[in-house]
Amino acid sequence: MKKKDLVEKVAQRSMVRQSETNRVIKALVRTIAECVKQGEKVTLSGLGTFRFKIRKAKPARNLQTGETVYLPEGKKVSFKPSLSFKRILTKD
């Protein structure tokens, strides 16, 4: 599903114009990204939790040459789905 499709579905369910729905979704994504970048944990009830994590530096292996290389510390965003979100996905 692309953003356009998401906007259409949310607009239909909420009975709000697509242009307004698009602005709200853009603002939501931007706000979540800014908060996570600042190190805040963002929890959306019914969806899950977004969190900023630092991956530890570690040795790794180049599979082509077999040489050991060193991977520096890295940054990543993690998402942990809520229990109710997991139930929706596994419900049949």
Protein backbone atom coordinates (compact mmCIF):
# COMPACT_ATOMS: atom_id res chain seq x y z
CA MET A 1 0.00 0.00 0.00
CA LYS A 2 1.30 3.42 -0.89
CA LYS A 3 0.69 6.63 1.02
CA LYS A 4 -1.99 7.71 -1.47
CA ASP A 5 -3.94 4.50 -0.81
CA LEU A 6 -3.59 4.95 2.94
CA VAL A 7 -4.86 8.53 2.72
CA GLU A 8 -7.89 7.38 0.70
CA LYS A 9 -8.80 4.62 3.17
CA VAL A 10 -8.35 6.78 6.26
CA ALA A 11 -10.35 9.60 4.65
CA GLN A 12 -13.21 7.20 3.86
CA ARG A 13 -13.27 5.71 7.37
CA SER A 14 -13.06 9.06 9.13
CA MET A 15 -15.33 10.89 6.66
CA VAL A 16 -12.77 13.68 6.27
CA ARG A 17 -11.51 15.15 2.98
CA GLN A 18 -8.41 13.52 1.51
CA SER A 19 -6.46 16.79 1.52
CA GLU A 20 -7.01 17.18 5.27
CA THR A 21 -6.19 13.53 5.91
CA ASN A 22 -2.97 13.87 3.90
CA ARG A 23 -1.89 16.89 5.97
CA VAL A 24 -2.60 15.04 9.22
CA ILE A 25 -0.66 11.94 8.15
CA LYS A 26 2.31 14.08 7.03
CA ALA A 27 2.27 15.94 10.35
CA LEU A 28 2.03 12.66 12.28
CA VAL A 29 5.01 11.10 10.49
CA ARG A 30 7.08 14.28 10.84
CA THR A 31 6.28 14.59 14.54
CA ILE A 32 7.11 10.94 15.27
CA ALA A 33 10.42 11.25 13.39
CA GLU A 34 11.40 14.44 15.23
CA CYS A 35 10.55 12.97 18.64
CA VAL A 36 12.40 9.71 17.97
CA LYS A 37 15.41 11.67 16.67
CA GLN A 38 15.53 13.56 19.99
CA GLY A 39 15.62 10.24 21.84
CA GLU A 40 11.99 10.17 22.95
CA LYS A 41 9.98 6.97 22.94
CA VAL A 42 6.72 7.39 20.99
CA THR A 43 3.91 5.04 21.97
CA LEU A 44 0.68 4.92 19.98
CA SER A 45 -1.95 2.87 21.75
CA GLY A 46 -3.23 0.14 19.45
CA LEU A 47 -0.26 0.44 17.10
CA GLY A 48 3.05 0.18 18.95
CA THR A 49 6.19 1.95 20.12
CA PHE A 50 8.85 3.73 18.08
CA ARG A 51 12.26 4.05 19.73
CA PHE A 52 15.74 5.28 18.76
CA LYS A 53 18.52 2.78 19.44
CA ILE A 54 22.28 2.79 19.15
CA ARG A 55 23.74 -0.41 17.73
CA LYS A 56 26.97 -1.38 19.46
CA ALA A 57 30.21 -1.51 17.52
CA LYS A 58 31.16 -5.08 16.64
CA PRO A 59 33.46 -7.20 14.53
CA ALA A 60 32.00 -8.80 11.41
CA ARG A 61 33.23 -10.94 8.53
CA ASN A 62 33.45 -10.05 4.85
CA LEU A 63 31.80 -13.10 3.27
CA GLN A 64 33.66 -12.73 -0.03
CA THR A 65 37.19 -12.58 1.39
CA GLY A 66 36.73 -14.07 4.87
CA GLU A 67 38.47 -11.01 6.30
CA THR A 68 37.35 -9.70 9.69
CA VAL A 69 36.15 -6.11 9.53
CA TYR A 70 35.06 -3.74 12.29
CA LEU A 71 31.56 -2.23 12.14
CA PRO A 72 31.34 1.10 13.97
CA GLU A 73 28.53 2.10 16.29
CA GLY A 74 25.33 2.75 14.36
CA LYS A 75 21.94 4.38 14.82
CA LYS A 76 18.60 2.76 14.11
CA VAL A 77 14.90 3.14 14.77
CA SER A 78 13.04 0.20 16.24
CA PHE A 79 9.31 -0.46 16.21
CA LYS A 80 7.63 -2.83 18.63
CA PRO A 81 4.00 -3.57 17.75
CA SER A 82 1.41 -3.46 20.52
CA LEU A 83 -0.34 -6.60 21.67
CA SER A 84 -3.66 -5.49 20.15
CA PHE A 85 -1.92 -4.81 16.80
CA LYS A 86 -0.39 -8.30 16.88
CA ARG A 87 -3.80 -9.81 17.60
CA ILE A 88 -5.30 -8.05 14.57
CA LEU A 89 -2.53 -9.48 12.37
CA THR A 90 -2.93 -13.03 13.62
CA LYS A 91 -6.74 -13.04 13.78
CA ASP A 92 -8.26 -15.18 11.08
